[in-house]
Amino acid sequence: MQATLGMDKTIFTFYDESGSISTLTLDKFVADSLQLIVGDVHAWIQKQYNDILANEVRYKKYIKSSWGANGELTRRAIGDIIRATAINAIGSFDL
């Protein structure tokens, strides 16, 4: 699912670690630009999410304050990582 919000935001769905549908909101400019670069933004977000879960320890030193009580990355932290990765991805292209 993809929906555009009135505040120039776009919502994307992906599957979390339990197989439930979750959402991620990107600025519309970021979403549109990312689509030009990667094509299927949903698949790109899912890949980023899966990579983060598979390599949580790699992110620990960068996001120390975003670890939950059980030592896992919080949902917000994962979303922030994906959003930052998207901005970095579009920043390296001349749009």
N, C-alpha and C. Protein backbone atom coordinates (compact mmCIF):
# COMPACT_ATOMS: atom_id res chain seq x y z
N MET A 1 0.83 -1.18 0.00
CA MET A 1 0.00 0.00 0.00
C MET A 1 0.88 1.24 0.00
N GLN A 2 0.44 2.25 -0.70
CA GLN A 2 1.11 3.54 -0.70
C GLN A 2 0.03 4.59 -0.65
N ALA A 3 0.14 5.51 0.28
CA ALA A 3 -0.84 6.58 0.39
C ALA A 3 -0.09 7.89 0.57
N THR A 4 -0.61 8.95 -0.01
CA THR A 4 0.00 10.26 0.15
C THR A 4 -0.83 11.04 1.15
N LEU A 5 -0.17 11.57 2.16
CA LEU A 5 -0.83 12.37 3.17
C LEU A 5 -0.85 13.83 2.74
N GLY A 6 -1.72 14.60 3.35
CA GLY A 6 -1.85 16.01 3.00
C GLY A 6 -0.61 16.84 3.30
N MET A 7 0.26 16.38 4.18
CA MET A 7 1.44 17.15 4.58
C MET A 7 2.66 16.76 3.75
N ASP A 8 2.45 16.35 2.51
CA ASP A 8 3.53 15.94 1.63
C ASP A 8 4.35 14.79 2.19
N LYS A 9 3.64 13.81 2.72
CA LYS A 9 4.25 12.58 3.23
C LYS A 9 3.65 11.41 2.47
N THR A 10 4.41 10.34 2.35
CA THR A 10 3.93 9.13 1.70
C THR A 10 4.13 7.96 2.66
N ILE A 11 3.12 7.14 2.81
CA ILE A 11 3.18 5.98 3.70
C ILE A 11 3.41 4.72 2.87
N PHE A 12 4.38 3.93 3.29
CA PHE A 12 4.67 2.65 2.64
C PHE A 12 4.46 1.54 3.66
N THR A 13 3.98 0.40 3.17
CA THR A 13 3.84 -0.76 4.04
C THR A 13 4.96 -1.75 3.77
N PHE A 14 5.27 -2.53 4.80
CA PHE A 14 6.25 -3.61 4.70
C PHE A 14 5.90 -4.63 5.77
N TYR A 15 6.56 -5.78 5.74
CA TYR A 15 6.30 -6.83 6.72
C TYR A 15 7.37 -6.80 7.81
N ASP A 16 6.93 -6.78 9.07
CA ASP A 16 7.89 -6.79 10.17
C ASP A 16 8.35 -8.21 10.46
N GLU A 17 9.15 -8.37 11.50
CA GLU A 17 9.75 -9.66 11.79
C GLU A 17 8.74 -10.75 12.15
N SER A 18 7.54 -10.35 12.57
CA SER A 18 6.52 -11.35 12.89
C SER A 18 5.58 -11.62 11.71
N GLY A 19 5.84 -10.96 10.57
CA GLY A 19 5.00 -11.15 9.39
C GLY A 19 3.79 -10.24 9.34
N SER A 20 3.69 -9.33 10.31
CA SER A 20 2.59 -8.37 10.33
C SER A 20 2.93 -7.18 9.45
N ILE A 21 1.91 -6.54 8.95
CA ILE A 21 2.12 -5.35 8.13
C ILE A 21 2.46 -4.17 9.04
N SER A 22 3.50 -3.46 8.67
CA SER A 22 3.91 -2.26 9.38
C SER A 22 4.02 -1.13 8.37
N THR A 23 4.17 0.09 8.84
CA THR A 23 4.24 1.22 7.92
C THR A 23 5.47 2.08 8.19
N LEU A 24 5.87 2.77 7.15
CA LEU A 24 6.97 3.73 7.23
C LEU A 24 6.55 4.96 6.44
N THR A 25 6.74 6.13 7.01
CA THR A 25 6.39 7.38 6.36
C THR A 25 7.65 8.08 5.86
N LEU A 26 7.62 8.48 4.60
CA LEU A 26 8.72 9.24 4.00
C LEU A 26 8.18 10.57 3.49
N ASP A 27 9.01 11.59 3.50
CA ASP A 27 8.63 12.84 2.84
C ASP A 27 8.36 12.51 1.37
N LYS A 28 7.36 13.17 0.80
CA LYS A 28 6.98 12.87 -0.59
C LYS A 28 8.15 13.08 -1.55
N PHE A 29 8.94 14.12 -1.35
CA PHE A 29 10.09 14.35 -2.21
C PHE A 29 11.07 13.18 -2.13
N VAL A 30 11.33 12.70 -0.92
CA VAL A 30 12.24 11.57 -0.73
C VAL A 30 11.67 10.33 -1.40
N ALA A 31 10.38 10.07 -1.19
CA ALA A 31 9.74 8.89 -1.79
C ALA A 31 9.78 8.94 -3.31
N ASP A 32 9.44 10.10 -3.87
CA ASP A 32 9.44 10.24 -5.33
C ASP A 32 10.85 10.10 -5.91
N SER A 33 11.81 10.72 -5.24
CA SER A 33 13.20 10.64 -5.70
C SER A 33 13.73 9.22 -5.58
N LEU A 34 13.41 8.56 -4.48
CA LEU A 34 13.86 7.18 -4.29
C LEU A 34 13.28 6.27 -5.35
N GLN A 35 12.03 6.52 -5.74
CA GLN A 35 11.41 5.71 -6.78
C GLN A 35 12.16 5.84 -8.11
N LEU A 36 12.66 7.02 -8.41
CA LEU A 36 13.43 7.21 -9.63
C LEU A 36 14.73 6.41 -9.60
N ILE A 37 15.28 6.23 -8.40
CA ILE A 37 16.57 5.55 -8.26
C ILE A 37 16.41 4.04 -8.15
N VAL A 38 15.49 3.58 -7.29
CA VAL A 38 15.40 2.14 -7.00
C VAL A 38 14.22 1.46 -7.69
N GLY A 39 13.29 2.23 -8.19
CA GLY A 39 12.10 1.64 -8.81
C GLY A 39 11.06 1.27 -7.77
N ASP A 40 11.11 0.07 -7.26
CA ASP A 40 10.13 -0.44 -6.30
C ASP A 40 10.53 -0.03 -4.89
N VAL A 41 9.95 1.05 -4.40
CA VAL A 41 10.31 1.57 -3.07
C VAL A 41 9.90 0.58 -1.99
N HIS A 42 8.75 -0.09 -2.15
CA HIS A 42 8.31 -1.08 -1.17
C HIS A 42 9.36 -2.17 -0.98
N ALA A 43 9.85 -2.71 -2.09
CA ALA A 43 10.87 -3.77 -2.02
C ALA A 43 12.15 -3.23 -1.40
N TRP A 44 12.52 -2.01 -1.71
CA TRP A 44 13.72 -1.40 -1.17
C TRP A 44 13.60 -1.25 0.35
N ILE A 45 12.44 -0.75 0.81
CA ILE A 45 12.21 -0.60 2.25
C ILE A 45 12.26 -1.96 2.94
N GLN A 46 11.63 -2.97 2.35
CA GLN A 46 11.64 -4.31 2.94
C GLN A 46 13.07 -4.83 3.05
N LYS A 47 13.87 -4.61 2.02
CA LYS A 47 15.26 -5.06 2.04
C LYS A 47 16.04 -4.35 3.13
N GLN A 48 15.85 -3.05 3.25
CA GLN A 48 16.53 -2.28 4.30
C GLN A 48 16.13 -2.79 5.68
N TYR A 49 14.85 -3.02 5.87
CA TYR A 49 14.34 -3.50 7.16
C TYR A 49 14.95 -4.85 7.51
N ASN A 50 14.94 -5.75 6.57
CA ASN A 50 15.50 -7.09 6.81
C ASN A 50 16.99 -7.01 7.11
N ASP A 51 17.71 -6.14 6.40
CA ASP A 51 19.14 -5.97 6.64
C ASP A 51 19.41 -5.43 8.04
N ILE A 52 18.62 -4.47 8.46
CA ILE A 52 18.79 -3.91 9.81
C ILE A 52 18.57 -4.98 10.87
N LEU A 53 17.51 -5.76 10.71
CA LEU A 53 17.24 -6.83 11.70
C LEU A 53 18.35 -7.87 11.72
N ALA A 54 18.89 -8.17 10.55
CA ALA A 54 19.94 -9.19 10.47
C ALA A 54 21.27 -8.69 11.01
N ASN A 55 21.43 -7.38 11.09
CA ASN A 55 22.71 -6.79 11.50
C ASN A 55 22.55 -5.75 12.60
N GLU A 56 21.64 -5.99 13.55
CA GLU A 56 21.35 -5.01 14.60
C GLU A 56 22.61 -4.52 15.33
N VAL A 57 23.52 -5.43 15.60
CA VAL A 57 24.72 -5.08 16.37
C VAL A 57 25.52 -4.00 15.65
N ARG A 58 25.51 -4.03 14.32
CA ARG A 58 26.25 -3.04 13.53
C ARG A 58 25.75 -1.63 13.81
N TYR A 59 24.48 -1.48 14.14
CA TYR A 59 23.89 -0.17 14.36
C TYR A 59 23.98 0.30 15.81
N LYS A 60 24.33 -0.58 16.71
CA LYS A 60 24.31 -0.26 18.14
C LYS A 60 25.17 0.95 18.47
N LYS A 61 26.35 1.05 17.91
CA LYS A 61 27.24 2.16 18.26
C LYS A 61 26.75 3.50 17.73
N TYR A 62 25.89 3.48 16.72
CA TYR A 62 25.39 4.72 16.14
C TYR A 62 24.11 5.20 16.80
N ILE A 63 23.35 4.29 17.34
CA ILE A 63 22.03 4.65 17.86
C ILE A 63 21.88 4.12 19.28
N LYS A 64 22.80 4.43 20.13
CA LYS A 64 22.80 3.90 21.50
C LYS A 64 21.51 4.20 22.24
N SER A 65 20.94 5.38 22.04
CA SER A 65 19.75 5.76 22.79
C SER A 65 18.48 5.10 22.26
N SER A 66 18.58 4.38 21.17
CA SER A 66 17.39 3.81 20.55
C SER A 66 17.22 2.32 20.80
N TRP A 67 17.93 1.81 21.76
CA TRP A 67 17.79 0.39 22.07
C TRP A 67 16.73 0.21 23.14
N GLY A 68 15.84 -0.75 22.93
CA GLY A 68 14.77 -1.02 23.87
C GLY A 68 15.28 -1.73 25.11
N ALA A 69 14.37 -1.97 26.02
CA ALA A 69 14.69 -2.60 27.30
C ALA A 69 15.29 -4.00 27.13
N ASN A 70 14.92 -4.69 26.06
CA ASN A 70 15.42 -6.04 25.83
C ASN A 70 16.66 -6.07 24.96
N GLY A 71 17.23 -4.90 24.66
CA GLY A 71 18.45 -4.85 23.87
C GLY A 71 18.23 -4.84 22.37
N GLU A 72 16.99 -4.70 21.91
CA GLU A 72 16.70 -4.67 20.48
C GLU A 72 16.50 -3.22 20.03
N LEU A 73 16.70 -2.99 18.74
CA LEU A 73 16.41 -1.67 18.19
C LEU A 73 14.92 -1.40 18.30
N THR A 74 14.55 -0.17 18.62
CA THR A 74 13.14 0.19 18.68
C THR A 74 12.60 0.37 17.26
N ARG A 75 11.30 0.30 17.12
CA ARG A 75 10.66 0.51 15.81
C ARG A 75 11.00 1.89 15.26
N ARG A 76 11.00 2.89 16.13
CA ARG A 76 11.33 4.25 15.70
C ARG A 76 12.76 4.33 15.18
N ALA A 77 13.68 3.68 15.87
CA ALA A 77 15.08 3.70 15.44
C ALA A 77 15.24 3.05 14.07
N ILE A 78 14.56 1.93 13.87
CA ILE A 78 14.63 1.26 12.57
C ILE A 78 14.09 2.17 11.47
N GLY A 79 12.97 2.82 11.74
CA GLY A 79 12.41 3.77 10.77
C GLY A 79 13.36 4.92 10.49
N ASP A 80 14.00 5.43 11.54
CA ASP A 80 14.96 6.53 11.36
C ASP A 80 16.14 6.09 10.51
N ILE A 81 16.61 4.86 10.71
CA ILE A 81 17.73 4.35 9.92
C ILE A 81 17.33 4.25 8.45
N ILE A 82 16.13 3.73 8.19
CA ILE A 82 15.66 3.59 6.81
C ILE A 82 15.51 4.96 6.16
N ARG A 83 14.92 5.92 6.89
CA ARG A 83 14.76 7.26 6.34
C ARG A 83 16.12 7.91 6.04
N ALA A 84 17.07 7.76 6.94
CA ALA A 84 18.40 8.33 6.72
C ALA A 84 19.09 7.66 5.53
N THR A 85 18.91 6.36 5.39
CA THR A 85 19.49 5.63 4.26
C THR A 85 18.87 6.11 2.95
N ALA A 86 17.57 6.36 2.95
CA ALA A 86 16.88 6.86 1.75
C ALA A 86 17.43 8.23 1.36
N ILE A 87 17.59 9.11 2.35
CA ILE A 87 18.11 10.45 2.07
C ILE A 87 19.54 10.36 1.54
N ASN A 88 20.35 9.49 2.12
CA ASN A 88 21.71 9.30 1.62
C ASN A 88 21.71 8.74 0.18
N ALA A 89 20.79 7.85 -0.10
CA ALA A 89 20.70 7.26 -1.44
C ALA A 89 20.38 8.31 -2.49
N ILE A 90 19.41 9.17 -2.19
CA ILE A 90 19.04 10.17 -3.20
C ILE A 90 20.05 11.30 -3.25
N GLY A 91 20.80 11.50 -2.16
CA GLY A 91 21.80 12.56 -2.14
C GLY A 91 22.98 12.29 -3.04
N SER A 92 23.18 11.02 -3.37
CA SER A 92 24.32 10.68 -4.22
C SER A 92 23.97 10.67 -5.71
N PHE A 93 22.74 11.07 -6.04
CA PHE A 93 22.31 11.13 -7.45
C PHE A 93 21.95 12.53 -7.82
N ASP A 94 22.17 12.89 -9.06
CA ASP A 94 21.80 14.19 -9.59
C ASP A 94 20.38 14.08 -10.13
N LEU A 95 19.43 14.56 -9.34
CA LEU A 95 18.02 14.44 -9.73
C LEU A 95 17.59 15.63 -10.52
